[in-house]
PDB file of N, CA and C in Angstrom:
ATOM      1  N   MET A   1     -70.180  86.007 -92.999  1.00  0.00           N
ATOM      2  CA  MET A   1     -71.700  86.156 -92.702  1.00  0.00           C
ATOM      3  C   MET A   1     -71.579  87.038 -91.985  1.00  0.00           C
ATOM      4  N   ASN A   2     -72.152  88.990 -92.332  1.00  0.00           N
ATOM      5  CA  ASN A   2     -72.147  89.684 -91.569  1.00  0.00           C
ATOM      6  C   ASN A   2     -72.945  89.782 -89.841  1.00  0.00           C
ATOM      7  N   GLN A   3     -72.298  90.439 -89.099  1.00  0.00           N
ATOM      8  CA  GLN A   3     -73.127  90.126 -87.761  1.00  0.00           C
ATOM      9  C   GLN A   3     -74.481  91.819 -87.722  1.00  0.00           C
ATOM     10  N   THR A   4     -75.608  91.070 -86.742  1.00  0.00           N
ATOM     11  CA  THR A   4     -76.065  92.802 -87.042  1.00  0.00           C
ATOM     12  C   THR A   4     -75.686  93.510 -86.273  1.00  0.00           C
ATOM     13  N   ARG A   5     -75.232  95.288 -86.845  1.00  0.00           N
ATOM     14  CA  ARG A   5     -74.730  95.997 -86.628  1.00  0.00           C
ATOM     15  C   ARG A   5     -75.889  96.577 -85.446  1.00  0.00           C
ATOM     16  N   VAL A   6     -75.462  96.946 -84.109  1.00  0.00           N
ATOM     17  CA  VAL A   6     -76.811  97.256 -82.972  1.00  0.00           C
ATOM     18  C   VAL A   6     -76.234  98.931 -82.269  1.00  0.00           C
ATOM     19  N   GLY A   7     -76.943  99.470 -83.005  1.00  0.00           N
ATOM     20  CA  GLY A   7     -77.490 100.658 -81.947  1.00  0.00           C
ATOM     21  C   GLY A   7     -77.986 101.193 -81.077  1.00  0.00           C
ATOM     22  N   PHE A   8     -77.446 101.619 -80.239  1.00  0.00           N
ATOM     23  CA  PHE A   8     -78.356 101.533 -78.763  1.00  0.00           C
ATOM     24  C   PHE A   8     -78.129 103.204 -78.262  1.00  0.00           C
ATOM     25  N   ILE A   9     -79.372 103.433 -77.610  1.00  0.00           N
ATOM     26  CA  ILE A   9     -79.738 104.851 -76.751  1.00  0.00           C
ATOM     27  C   ILE A   9     -79.967 104.568 -75.525  1.00  0.00           C
ATOM     28  N   GLY A  10     -79.878 105.099 -75.220  1.00  0.00           N
ATOM     29  CA  GLY A  10     -80.002 105.160 -73.222  1.00  0.00           C
ATOM     30  C   GLY A  10     -79.325 104.588 -72.525  1.00  0.00           C
ATOM     31  N   LEU A  11     -78.467 105.324 -72.017  1.00  0.00           N
ATOM     32  CA  LEU A  11     -77.554 104.145 -70.954  1.00  0.00           C
ATOM     33  C   LEU A  11     -77.681 104.743 -70.346  1.00  0.00           C
ATOM     34  N   GLY A  12     -79.161 104.793 -69.397  1.00  0.00           N
ATOM     35  CA  GLY A  12     -78.817 104.778 -67.738  1.00  0.00           C
ATOM     36  C   GLY A  12     -79.236 103.352 -67.139  1.00  0.00           C
ATOM     37  N   SER A  13     -79.625 103.654 -65.985  1.00  0.00           N
ATOM     38  CA  SER A  13     -79.502 102.354 -64.962  1.00  0.00           C
ATOM     39  C   SER A  13     -80.167 101.217 -65.683  1.00  0.00           C
ATOM     40  N   GLN A  14     -80.856 100.958 -66.653  1.00  0.00           N
ATOM     41  CA  GLN A  14     -81.168  99.901 -67.346  1.00  0.00           C
ATOM     42  C   GLN A  14     -80.612  99.454 -68.796  1.00  0.00           C
ATOM     43  N   GLY A  15     -80.460 100.829 -69.092  1.00  0.00           N
ATOM     44  CA  GLY A  15     -80.202 100.818 -70.820  1.00  0.00           C
ATOM     45  C   GLY A  15     -78.199 100.307 -70.966  1.00  0.00           C
ATOM     46  N   ALA A  16     -77.525 100.993 -69.608  1.00  0.00           N
ATOM     47  CA  ALA A  16     -76.578 100.699 -69.775  1.00  0.00           C
ATOM     48  C   ALA A  16     -75.945  99.251 -69.626  1.00  0.00           C
ATOM     49  N   PRO A  17     -76.532  98.467 -68.909  1.00  0.00           N
ATOM     50  CA  PRO A  17     -76.369  96.792 -68.294  1.00  0.00           C
ATOM     51  C   PRO A  17     -76.626  96.217 -69.797  1.00  0.00           C
ATOM     52  N   MET A  18     -77.542  96.525 -70.433  1.00  0.00           N
ATOM     53  CA  MET A  18     -77.835  95.612 -71.610  1.00  0.00           C
ATOM     54  C   MET A  18     -77.363  96.039 -72.860  1.00  0.00           C
ATOM     55  N   ALA A  19     -76.630  97.260 -73.064  1.00  0.00           N
ATOM     56  CA  ALA A  19     -75.956  97.920 -73.846  1.00  0.00           C
ATOM     57  C   ALA A  19     -73.982  97.329 -73.895  1.00  0.00           C
ATOM     58  N   ARG A  20     -74.180  96.991 -72.636  1.00  0.00           N
ATOM     59  CA  ARG A  20     -72.596  96.319 -72.458  1.00  0.00           C
ATOM     60  C   ARG A  20     -73.154  94.769 -72.429  1.00  0.00           C
ATOM     61  N   ARG A  21     -73.680  94.096 -72.320  1.00  0.00           N
ATOM     62  CA  ARG A  21     -73.760  92.762 -72.314  1.00  0.00           C
ATOM     63  C   ARG A  21     -73.874  92.642 -73.972  1.00  0.00           C
ATOM     64  N   ILE A  22     -74.803  93.684 -74.750  1.00  0.00           N
ATOM     65  CA  ILE A  22     -74.602  93.256 -76.431  1.00  0.00           C
ATOM     66  C   ILE A  22     -72.944  93.478 -76.946  1.00  0.00           C
ATOM     67  N   ILE A  23     -72.472  94.151 -75.916  1.00  0.00           N
ATOM     68  CA  ILE A  23     -71.011  94.220 -76.749  1.00  0.00           C
ATOM     69  C   ILE A  23     -70.015  93.643 -76.183  1.00  0.00           C
ATOM     70  N   GLU A  24     -70.338  92.590 -74.875  1.00  0.00           N
ATOM     71  CA  GLU A  24     -69.649  91.767 -74.766  1.00  0.00           C
ATOM     72  C   GLU A  24     -70.160  90.565 -75.423  1.00  0.00           C
ATOM     73  N   ALA A  25     -71.407  90.450 -75.796  1.00  0.00           N
ATOM     74  CA  ALA A  25     -71.434  89.053 -76.891  1.00  0.00           C
ATOM     75  C   ALA A  25     -70.884  89.687 -78.331  1.00  0.00           C
ATOM     76  N   GLY A  26     -69.827  90.484 -78.786  1.00  0.00           N
ATOM     77  CA  GLY A  26     -69.091  90.550 -80.120  1.00  0.00           C
ATOM     78  C   GLY A  26     -69.865  91.367 -80.959  1.00  0.00           C
ATOM     79  N   TYR A  27     -70.627  91.872 -80.975  1.00  0.00           N
ATOM     80  CA  TYR A  27     -71.584  92.763 -81.938  1.00  0.00           C
ATOM     81  C   TYR A  27     -71.013  93.739 -81.972  1.00  0.00           C
ATOM     82  N   PRO A  28     -71.084  94.177 -83.436  1.00  0.00           N
ATOM     83  CA  PRO A  28     -70.575  95.898 -83.462  1.00  0.00           C
ATOM     84  C   PRO A  28     -71.890  96.673 -82.996  1.00  0.00           C
ATOM     85  N   VAL A  29     -71.131  97.713 -81.917  1.00  0.00           N
ATOM     86  CA  VAL A  29     -72.355  98.443 -81.614  1.00  0.00           C
ATOM     87  C   VAL A  29     -71.600  99.707 -81.551  1.00  0.00           C
ATOM     88  N   THR A  30     -72.516 100.626 -81.708  1.00  0.00           N
ATOM     89  CA  THR A  30     -72.316 102.450 -82.060  1.00  0.00           C
ATOM     90  C   THR A  30     -73.574 102.722 -80.493  1.00  0.00           C
ATOM     91  N   LEU A  31     -73.306 103.981 -80.043  1.00  0.00           N
ATOM     92  CA  LEU A  31     -73.780 104.247 -79.083  1.00  0.00           C
ATOM     93  C   LEU A  31     -73.862 105.812 -79.114  1.00  0.00           C
ATOM     94  N   TRP A  32     -75.011 106.082 -78.500  1.00  0.00           N
ATOM     95  CA  TRP A  32     -75.797 107.579 -78.952  1.00  0.00           C
ATOM     96  C   TRP A  32     -76.088 108.484 -77.315  1.00  0.00           C
ATOM     97  N   ALA A  33     -76.084 108.914 -76.592  1.00  0.00           N
ATOM     98  CA  ALA A  33     -76.714 109.660 -75.596  1.00  0.00           C
ATOM     99  C   ALA A  33     -76.872 111.461 -75.917  1.00  0.00           C
ATOM    100  N   ARG A  34     -77.934 111.423 -75.056  1.00  0.00           N
ATOM    101  CA  ARG A  34     -78.042 113.097 -74.356  1.00  0.00           C
ATOM    102  C   ARG A  34     -77.073 113.504 -73.559  1.00  0.00           C
ATOM    103  N   ARG A  35     -76.584 112.678 -72.493  1.00  0.00           N
ATOM    104  CA  ARG A  35     -75.374 113.220 -71.882  1.00  0.00           C
ATOM    105  C   ARG A  35     -74.601 112.372 -71.933  1.00  0.00           C
ATOM    106  N   PRO A  36     -73.807 113.034 -72.856  1.00  0.00           N
ATOM    107  CA  PRO A  36     -72.067 112.194 -72.594  1.00  0.00           C
ATOM    108  C   PRO A  36     -71.420 111.578 -71.929  1.00  0.00           C
ATOM    109  N   ARG A  37     -71.782 112.313 -70.443  1.00  0.00           N
ATOM    110  CA  ARG A  37     -71.221 110.944 -69.519  1.00  0.00           C
ATOM    111  C   ARG A  37     -71.825 109.804 -68.984  1.00  0.00           C
ATOM    112  N   THR A  38     -72.960 109.613 -69.514  1.00  0.00           N
ATOM    113  CA  THR A  38     -73.154 108.746 -69.730  1.00  0.00           C
ATOM    114  C   THR A  38     -72.136 107.242 -71.000  1.00  0.00           C
ATOM    115  N   LEU A  39     -71.286 108.200 -71.475  1.00  0.00           N
ATOM    116  CA  LEU A  39     -70.699 107.099 -72.530  1.00  0.00           C
ATOM    117  C   LEU A  39     -69.558 106.881 -72.136  1.00  0.00           C
ATOM    118  N   GLU A  40     -69.105 107.418 -70.886  1.00  0.00           N
ATOM    119  CA  GLU A  40     -67.656 107.477 -70.201  1.00  0.00           C
ATOM    120  C   GLU A  40     -67.174 106.005 -69.479  1.00  0.00           C
ATOM    121  N   PRO A  41     -68.291 105.400 -69.791  1.00  0.00           N
ATOM    122  CA  PRO A  41     -68.085 103.574 -68.926  1.00  0.00           C
ATOM    123  C   PRO A  41     -68.059 102.847 -70.397  1.00  0.00           C
ATOM    124  N   PHE A  42     -67.945 103.157 -71.448  1.00  0.00           N
ATOM    125  CA  PHE A  42     -67.745 102.767 -72.796  1.00  0.00           C
ATOM    126  C   PHE A  42     -66.543 102.497 -72.726  1.00  0.00           C
ATOM    127  N   ALA A  43     -65.836 103.672 -72.461  1.00  0.00           N
ATOM    128  CA  ALA A  43     -64.813 103.985 -73.242  1.00  0.00           C
ATOM    129  C   ALA A  43     -63.901 102.988 -73.175  1.00  0.00           C
ATOM    130  N   ASP A  44     -63.336 101.869 -72.538  1.00  0.00           N
ATOM    131  CA  ASP A  44     -63.198 100.466 -72.705  1.00  0.00           C
ATOM    132  C   ASP A  44     -63.432  99.899 -73.213  1.00  0.00           C
ATOM    133  N   THR A  45     -64.568  99.416 -74.516  1.00  0.00           N
ATOM    134  CA  THR A  45     -64.635  98.782 -75.171  1.00  0.00           C
ATOM    135  C   THR A  45     -64.643  99.330 -76.153  1.00  0.00           C
ATOM    136  N   GLY A  46     -64.883  98.426 -77.479  1.00  0.00           N
ATOM    137  CA  GLY A  46     -65.392  98.528 -79.010  1.00  0.00           C
ATOM    138  C   GLY A  46     -66.028  99.167 -79.106  1.00  0.00           C
ATOM    139  N   ALA A  47     -66.845  99.156 -78.606  1.00  0.00           N
ATOM    140  CA  ALA A  47     -68.443 100.246 -79.487  1.00  0.00           C
ATOM    141  C   ALA A  47     -68.151 101.487 -79.669  1.00  0.00           C
ATOM    142  N   LYS A  48     -68.707 102.289 -81.046  1.00  0.00           N
ATOM    143  CA  LYS A  48     -68.343 103.234 -81.362  1.00  0.00           C
ATOM    144  C   LYS A  48     -69.233 104.694 -80.634  1.00  0.00           C
ATOM    145  N   THR A  49     -69.019 105.915 -81.079  1.00  0.00           N
ATOM    146  CA  THR A  49     -69.967 107.008 -80.682  1.00  0.00           C
ATOM    147  C   THR A  49     -71.028 107.393 -82.105  1.00  0.00           C
ATOM    148  N   ALA A  50     -71.776 107.833 -81.685  1.00  0.00           N
ATOM    149  CA  ALA A  50     -72.286 108.653 -83.486  1.00  0.00           C
ATOM    150  C   ALA A  50     -72.796 110.555 -82.223  1.00  0.00           C
ATOM    151  N   GLY A  51     -72.499 111.011 -83.335  1.00  0.00           N
ATOM    152  CA  GLY A  51     -72.841 112.605 -82.785  1.00  0.00           C
ATOM    153  C   GLY A  51     -74.686 112.672 -82.782  1.00  0.00           C
ATOM    154  N   THR A  52     -74.985 111.820 -83.367  1.00  0.00           N
ATOM    155  CA  THR A  52     -76.506 112.316 -83.533  1.00  0.00           C
ATOM    156  C   THR A  52     -77.137 111.056 -83.302  1.00  0.00           C
ATOM    157  N   PRO A  53     -78.457 110.807 -83.290  1.00  0.00           N
ATOM    158  CA  PRO A  53     -79.516 109.808 -83.589  1.00  0.00           C
ATOM    159  C   PRO A  53     -79.435 108.931 -84.808  1.00  0.00           C
ATOM    160  N   ALA A  54     -79.651 110.196 -86.187  1.00  0.00           N
ATOM    161  CA  ALA A  54     -79.652 109.662 -86.687  1.00  0.00           C
ATOM    162  C   ALA A  54     -78.062 109.084 -87.733  1.00  0.00           C
ATOM    163  N   GLU A  55     -76.981 109.508 -87.334  1.00  0.00           N
ATOM    164  CA  GLU A  55     -75.497 108.822 -87.244  1.00  0.00           C
ATOM    165  C   GLU A  55     -75.704 107.621 -86.613  1.00  0.00           C
ATOM    166  N   LEU A  56     -75.985 107.079 -85.905  1.00  0.00           N
ATOM    167  CA  LEU A  56     -76.535 105.736 -85.186  1.00  0.00           C
ATOM    168  C   LEU A  56     -77.105 104.962 -85.693  1.00  0.00           C
ATOM    169  N   ALA A  57     -78.359 105.274 -86.443  1.00  0.00           N
ATOM    170  CA  ALA A  57     -79.270 104.506 -87.370  1.00  0.00           C
ATOM    171  C   ALA A  57     -78.291 104.469 -88.945  1.00  0.00           C
ATOM    172  N   ALA A  58     -77.442 105.056 -88.956  1.00  0.00           N
ATOM    173  CA  ALA A  58     -77.357 105.360 -90.040  1.00  0.00           C
ATOM    174  C   ALA A  58     -75.727 104.010 -90.263  1.00  0.00           C
ATOM    175  N   ALA A  59     -75.466 103.667 -88.602  1.00  0.00           N
ATOM    176  CA  ALA A  59     -74.620 103.125 -89.079  1.00  0.00           C
ATOM    177  C   ALA A  59     -75.115 101.500 -88.142  1.00  0.00           C
ATOM    178  N   SER A  60     -76.727 101.690 -87.841  1.00  0.00           N
ATOM    179  CA  SER A  60     -76.702 100.094 -87.411  1.00  0.00           C
ATOM    180  C   SER A  60     -78.062  99.973 -88.350  1.00  0.00           C
ATOM    181  N   ASP A  61     -78.161  98.170 -88.209  1.00  0.00           N
ATOM    182  CA  ASP A  61     -79.000  97.434 -88.436  1.00  0.00           C
ATOM    183  C   ASP A  61     -80.237  97.683 -87.723  1.00  0.00           C
ATOM    184  N   LEU A  62     -79.996  97.345 -86.365  1.00  0.00           N
ATOM    185  CA  LEU A  62     -80.959  97.037 -85.295  1.00  0.00           C
ATOM    186  C   LEU A  62     -80.886  98.240 -83.846  1.00  0.00           C
ATOM    187  N   VAL A  63     -81.677  99.074 -83.911  1.00  0.00           N
ATOM    188  CA  VAL A  63     -81.541 100.121 -82.895  1.00  0.00           C
ATOM    189  C   VAL A  63     -82.407 100.205 -81.894  1.00  0.00           C
ATOM    190  N   CYS A  64     -82.116 100.217 -80.362  1.00  0.00           N
ATOM    191  CA  CYS A  64     -82.392  99.658 -79.168  1.00  0.00           C
ATOM    192  C   CYS A  64     -82.678 100.906 -78.974  1.00  0.00           C
ATOM    193  N   LEU A  65     -83.545 101.725 -78.344  1.00  0.00           N
ATOM    194  CA  LEU A  65     -83.593 102.393 -77.488  1.00  0.00           C
ATOM    195  C   LEU A  65     -84.639 102.048 -76.080  1.00  0.00           C
ATOM    196  N   CYS A  66     -84.051 102.815 -75.349  1.00  0.00           N
ATOM    197  CA  CYS A  66     -84.002 102.748 -73.558  1.00  0.00           C
ATOM    198  C   CYS A  66     -83.942 103.867 -72.646  1.00  0.00           C
ATOM    199  N   VAL A  67     -85.168 104.970 -73.248  1.00  0.00           N
ATOM    200  CA  VAL A  67     -85.248 106.004 -72.614  1.00  0.00           C
ATOM    201  C   VAL A  67     -86.639 106.202 -71.869  1.00  0.00           C
ATOM    202  N   THR A  68     -86.403 107.180 -71.087  1.00  0.00           N
ATOM    203  CA  THR A  68     -87.549 107.430 -70.040  1.00  0.00           C
ATOM    204  C   THR A  68     -89.080 107.560 -70.330  1.00  0.00           C
ATOM    205  N   ALA A  69     -89.277 108.218 -71.291  1.00  0.00           N
ATOM    206  CA  ALA A  69     -90.913 108.550 -71.514  1.00  0.00           C
ATOM    207  C   ALA A  69     -91.035 108.089 -72.826  1.00  0.00           C
ATOM    208  N   ASP A  70     -92.347 108.400 -73.331  1.00  0.00           N
ATOM    209  CA  ASP A  70     -92.849 108.447 -74.400  1.00  0.00           C
ATOM    210  C   ASP A  70     -92.645 108.861 -75.498  1.00  0.00           C
ATOM    211  N   ALA A  71     -92.450 110.489 -74.214  1.00  0.00           N
ATOM    212  CA  ALA A  71     -92.031 111.430 -75.380  1.00  0.00           C
ATOM    213  C   ALA A  71     -90.411 112.161 -75.736  1.00  0.00           C
ATOM    214  N   ASP A  72     -89.685 110.935 -75.255  1.00  0.00           N
ATOM    215  CA  ASP A  72     -88.193 111.151 -75.404  1.00  0.00           C
ATOM    216  C   ASP A  72     -88.211 109.859 -76.925  1.00  0.00           C
ATOM    217  N   VAL A  73     -89.055 108.584 -76.717  1.00  0.00           N
ATOM    218  CA  VAL A  73     -89.135 108.121 -77.520  1.00  0.00           C
ATOM    219  C   VAL A  73     -89.458 108.338 -78.930  1.00  0.00           C
ATOM    220  N   GLU A  74     -90.418 108.942 -79.148  1.00  0.00           N
ATOM    221  CA  GLU A  74     -90.575 109.954 -80.052  1.00  0.00           C
ATOM    222  C   GLU A  74     -90.012 110.966 -80.694  1.00  0.00           C
ATOM    223  N   GLN A  75     -88.712 112.044 -79.525  1.00  0.00           N
ATOM    224  CA  GLN A  75     -88.388 112.594 -80.156  1.00  0.00           C
ATOM    225  C   GLN A  75     -86.701 111.857 -80.178  1.00  0.00           C
ATOM    226  N   VAL A  76     -86.139 110.827 -80.107  1.00  0.00           N
ATOM    227  CA  VAL A  76     -85.178 110.082 -80.481  1.00  0.00           C
ATOM    228  C   VAL A  76     -85.429 109.679 -82.140  1.00  0.00           C
ATOM    229  N   ILE A  77     -86.226 109.185 -81.803  1.00  0.00           N
ATOM    230  CA  ILE A  77     -87.205 108.506 -83.268  1.00  0.00           C
ATOM    231  C   ILE A  77     -87.279 109.682 -84.486  1.00  0.00           C
ATOM    232  N   ALA A  78     -88.147 110.033 -83.960  1.00  0.00           N
ATOM    233  CA  ALA A  78     -88.771 111.112 -85.110  1.00  0.00           C
ATOM    234  C   ALA A  78     -88.756 112.129 -85.019  1.00  0.00           C
ATOM    235  N   GLY A  79     -88.165 112.733 -83.881  1.00  0.00           N
ATOM    236  CA  GLY A  79     -87.232 114.340 -84.183  1.00  0.00           C
ATOM    237  C   GLY A  79     -86.862 114.685 -85.608  1.00  0.00           C
ATOM    238  N   ALA A  80     -85.958 116.171 -85.074  1.00  0.00           N
ATOM    239  CA  ALA A  80     -85.019 116.540 -86.241  1.00  0.00           C
ATOM    240  C   ALA A  80     -83.948 115.566 -86.147  1.00  0.00           C
ATOM    241  N   GLY A  81     -83.012 114.904 -87.009  1.00  0.00           N
ATOM    242  CA  GLY A  81     -81.907 114.388 -86.747  1.00  0.00           C
ATOM    243  C   GLY A  81     -82.048 113.106 -86.196  1.00  0.00           C
ATOM    244  N   GLY A  82     -83.342 112.588 -86.101  1.00  0.00           N
ATOM    245  CA  GLY A  82     -83.981 111.159 -85.320  1.00  0.00           C
ATOM    246  C   GLY A  82     -83.284 110.206 -85.915  1.00  0.00           C
ATOM    247  N   VAL A  83     -83.665 109.259 -85.516  1.00  0.00           N
ATOM    248  CA  VAL A  83     -83.209 107.697 -86.294  1.00  0.00           C
ATOM    249  C   VAL A  83     -84.129 107.116 -87.192  1.00  0.00           C
ATOM    250  N   LEU A  84     -85.354 107.625 -87.802  1.00  0.00           N
ATOM    251  CA  LEU A  84     -86.067 107.729 -88.979  1.00  0.00           C
ATOM    252  C   LEU A  84     -85.551 108.065 -90.368  1.00  0.00           C
ATOM    253  N   ALA A  85     -84.762 109.327 -89.611  1.00  0.00           N
ATOM    254  CA  ALA A  85     -84.003 110.493 -90.607  1.00  0.00           C
ATOM    255  C   ALA A  85     -83.116 108.851 -91.803  1.00  0.00           C
ATOM    256  N   ALA A  86     -82.315 108.159 -90.913  1.00  0.00           N
ATOM    257  CA  ALA A  86     -81.203 107.817 -91.196  1.00  0.00           C
ATOM    258  C   ALA A  86     -81.450 105.992 -91.019  1.00  0.00           C
ATOM    259  N   LEU A  87     -82.384 105.453 -90.643  1.00  0.00           N
ATOM    260  CA  LEU A  87     -82.193 104.142 -90.976  1.00  0.00           C
ATOM    261  C   LEU A  87     -82.775 103.685 -92.142  1.00  0.00           C
ATOM    262  N   ALA A  88     -81.714 102.749 -92.615  1.00  0.00           N
ATOM    263  CA  ALA A  88     -82.515 101.975 -93.706  1.00  0.00           C
ATOM    264  C   ALA A  88     -83.104 101.159 -94.083  1.00  0.00           C
ATOM    265  N   GLU A  89     -83.712 101.088 -95.378  1.00  0.00           N
ATOM    266  CA  GLU A  89     -85.048  99.997 -95.288  1.00  0.00           C
ATOM    267  C   GLU A  89     -84.628  98.867 -94.651  1.00  0.00           C
ATOM    268  N   GLY A  90     -85.653  98.025 -93.607  1.00  0.00           N
ATOM    269  CA  GLY A  90     -85.528  97.112 -92.956  1.00  0.00           C
ATOM    270  C   GLY A  90     -84.908  97.147 -91.664  1.00  0.00           C
ATOM    271  N   GLY A  91     -84.150  97.873 -91.602  1.00  0.00           N
ATOM    272  CA  GLY A  91     -83.809  98.398 -90.025  1.00  0.00           C
ATOM    273  C   GLY A  91     -85.269  98.118 -88.965  1.00  0.00           C
ATOM    274  N   VAL A  92     -84.631  97.785 -87.756  1.00  0.00           N
ATOM    275  CA  VAL A  92     -85.169  97.782 -86.812  1.00  0.00           C
ATOM    276  C   VAL A  92     -85.474  99.113 -86.101  1.00  0.00           C
ATOM    277  N   ILE A  93     -86.581  99.013 -85.086  1.00  0.00           N
ATOM    278  CA  ILE A  93     -86.328  99.257 -84.000  1.00  0.00           C
ATOM    279  C   ILE A  93     -86.670  98.524 -82.853  1.00  0.00           C
ATOM    280  N   ALA A  94     -86.049  98.722 -81.754  1.00  0.00           N
ATOM    281  CA  ALA A  94     -86.792  97.869 -80.396  1.00  0.00           C
ATOM    282  C   ALA A  94     -86.584  98.703 -79.136  1.00  0.00           C
ATOM    283  N   VAL A  95     -87.708  99.291 -78.646  1.00  0.00           N
ATOM    284  CA  VAL A  95     -87.957  99.872 -77.825  1.00  0.00           C
ATOM    285  C   VAL A  95     -88.244  99.321 -76.207  1.00  0.00           C
ATOM    286  N   HIS A  96     -87.262  99.388 -75.768  1.00  0.00           N
ATOM    287  CA  HIS A  96     -87.148  98.606 -74.430  1.00  0.00           C
ATOM    288  C   HIS A  96     -87.262  99.470 -73.351  1.00  0.00           C
ATOM    289  N   SER A  97     -88.058 100.835 -73.640  1.00  0.00           N
ATOM    290  CA  SER A  97     -88.715 101.741 -72.382  1.00  0.00           C
ATOM    291  C   SER A  97     -89.541 101.498 -71.948  1.00  0.00           C
ATOM    292  N   THR A  98     -90.338 101.454 -70.950  1.00  0.00           N
ATOM    293  CA  THR A  98     -91.416 101.641 -69.931  1.00  0.00           C
ATOM    294  C   THR A  98     -92.543 102.747 -70.751  1.00  0.00           C
ATOM    295  N   VAL A  99     -93.287 102.590 -71.910  1.00  0.00           N
ATOM    296  CA  VAL A  99     -94.173 103.573 -72.530  1.00  0.00           C
ATOM    297  C   VAL A  99     -95.273 103.021 -72.867  1.00  0.00           C
ATOM    298  N   PRO A 100     -96.152 103.643 -72.980  1.00  0.00           N
ATOM    299  CA  PRO A 100     -97.349 102.894 -73.922  1.00  0.00           C
ATOM    300  C   PRO A 100     -97.346 102.385 -75.048  1.00  0.00           C
ATOM    301  N   PRO A 101     -98.154 101.402 -75.459  1.00  0.00           N
ATOM    302  CA  PRO A 101     -97.878 100.844 -76.983  1.00  0.00           C
ATOM    303  C   PRO A 101     -98.632 101.461 -78.187  1.00  0.00           C
ATOM    304  N   LYS A 102     -99.234 102.434 -77.792  1.00  0.00           N
ATOM    305  CA  LYS A 102    -100.208 103.530 -78.695  1.00  0.00           C
ATOM    306  C   LYS A 102    -100.427 104.511 -77.663  1.00  0.00           C
ATOM    307  N   PRO A 103    -100.484 105.798 -78.045  1.00  0.00           N
ATOM    308  CA  PRO A 103    -100.742 106.957 -77.224  1.00  0.00           C
ATOM    309  C   PRO A 103    -101.930 107.235 -76.296  1.00  0.00           C
ATOM    310  N   ARG A 104    -101.869 107.754 -75.576  1.00  0.00           N
ATOM    311  CA  ARG A 104    -103.097 107.863 -74.401  1.00  0.00           C
ATOM    312  C   ARG A 104    -103.893 108.150 -74.858  1.00  0.00           C
ATOM    313  N   PRO A 105    -105.249 108.210 -74.482  1.00  0.00           N
ATOM    314  CA  PRO A 105    -106.561 108.712 -75.059  1.00  0.00           C
ATOM    315  C   PRO A 105    -106.123 110.125 -74.481  1.00  0.00           C
ATOM    316  N   GLY A 106    -106.699 111.187 -75.769  1.00  0.00           N
ATOM    317  CA  GLY A 106    -106.323 112.650 -75.205  1.00  0.00           C
ATOM    318  C   GLY A 106    -104.739 112.866 -75.317  1.00  0.00           C
ATOM    319  N   ALA A 107    -103.614 112.062 -75.683  1.00  0.00           N
ATOM    320  CA  ALA A 107    -102.663 112.400 -75.978  1.00  0.00           C
ATOM    321  C   ALA A 107    -102.476 112.947 -77.447  1.00  0.00           C
ATOM    322  N   SER A 108    -102.176 114.117 -78.074  1.00  0.00           N
ATOM    323  CA  SER A 108    -101.306 114.536 -79.153  1.00  0.00           C
ATOM    324  C   SER A 108    -100.391 113.452 -79.927  1.00  0.00           C
ATOM    325  N   GLY A 109    -100.788 113.570 -81.082  1.00  0.00           N
ATOM    326  CA  GLY A 109    -100.021 112.529 -81.852  1.00  0.00           C
ATOM    327  C   GLY A 109    -100.747 111.636 -82.955  1.00  0.00           C
TER     328      GLY A 109
END
């Protein structure tokens, strides 16, 4: 049986422990970070790293996001080289960020 391939973006104080638990559970994990130093604590794990969110998405069935703002979520998902550029049909995006579920009134989008 194939295991779900997990991509994780957002390795700050909330996301890093979440990603580590997924790795420790034995899932194949790919990581991406805007700040490469946040990848350093994962050097001793079996996690792979991606050069872009799209590269991460191409290697993932489930993409987890734990970034700080709704603009960051939009950029990582739909921006140039974002997750949607390469996530396969049937792929899932799980947003763990504390962001509104829909645009705020008056917000562009």
